[in-house]
Amino acid sequence: MITLLSTIFLLGSTFDKIVLDSIRIQISNSISSSNSDNPSLHQFKNFNERQKYVEQQLKIQTQSLGLDEPWYSPKKIFNNVYKILTLDLGKSRFFTTYTGSTNVNDLILEKMPYTILLFTSSSITIVIIGLLLGSYLASKEDSRIDRLVSGLAAISQSVPAWWFSMIMLVSFSFFLPIFPSRATPLISPGEPGYILDLLYRMALPFISIVIIGFAIFAFYIKYIIARILDEDYIKTLKIMGIPQKSILYKHALKNAGPQLATMLGLAITTSLGGSILIEQIFDWPGMGNLFYNAVILNDTPLIIGLTYFFTLIYLLTRLILDICFTYFDPRIKSGEY
């Protein structure tokens, strides 16, 4: 407990120090740019006078951001919690929405549908292919297609998704110019044909994510269902003369529900977490691309807001999974598990 409290204290004080250092650098850069653009502005007689002006501006910025109080003060904690609950995440320093807003929550809400569209649709496609292919492979162990999918799963597990995405981009946007190199539409959302253009540009990152993920998911599904097919009640159903397809899809898949739901939830959250590099490679206009650019430009309010939303999505996914477990496994609801 003492170690946890000391770690929290260290992180809180370190974060405040990083923010103050960032503000100090920005003030110094603004003074330098003002001097170069207009020599009549901010002309200081010596270094001490310049440093005094920097400290005055830093004090003003510190008070406006509430950094003049320690991070653990009740007032500051209450204000931060209230802002988070009301989605008052501050204003971005460099980015604006299509309507010109600089609010962090507006930026995130504008980019979130793109990330959900790409990664949720690709994850659902991977799950459908994995369920069908994995269920088929469970009854065809040691066949050629089983060995082929196992080899693809091993390759997919060892190949980074961002590297494979770059290979797909170079192959099908430059050597074979089938898809555009940029996934961001060149027309604004309000213009006609925007949705078709968006879906066309989404095709290449969508295909890349599905190819890199379906074999791994199918291999896991095969392993889970193969274990269930070895259970005694499955053997009893075979003795009773129930068809193999009915046993496989009606009984085996149903009993594998909790494990499959866990894999689905983790796949979606993992894909959202890995969206930063993939969206940047394809220039997809989602939260991952926005997060990458915010880190490059040191946009602290936007970085904090995106981190909060990624964490919120993960927690909501885990909550939905726990609720689904009570449907797939009644023993959890009755407390018999």
Foldseek 3Di string as FASTA:
>chain_A
DVVVVVVVLVVQVVVLVVVLVVLLVVVVVVLVVCCVVPVVPPDDPDDVRVVVVSVVVSVVVCVVVVVVDRCPDPVNVVVVVVCVVVVQLDFWDPDADPVGGRGLSVLQVVFAVLLCVQLVVLLVVLLVLLQVLLLVCLVVDPDPVVVVLVVLLVVLVPDDLLVLLLVLLCVCCPVNNPAHLALDDPDDPVDPPPVVSNVRSSVSLSVSSNSSRNSNSNNVSSVQLNVVCPDPVVVVVVVVPDDPVCSRPVPSVLLCVLVSLVVSLVSSLVCSVVVQSSCCRNVRRHLSVVLVVCVVVVRPSNVVSSVVVSVVSSVVSVVVSVVVCCVSPVCVVVVND
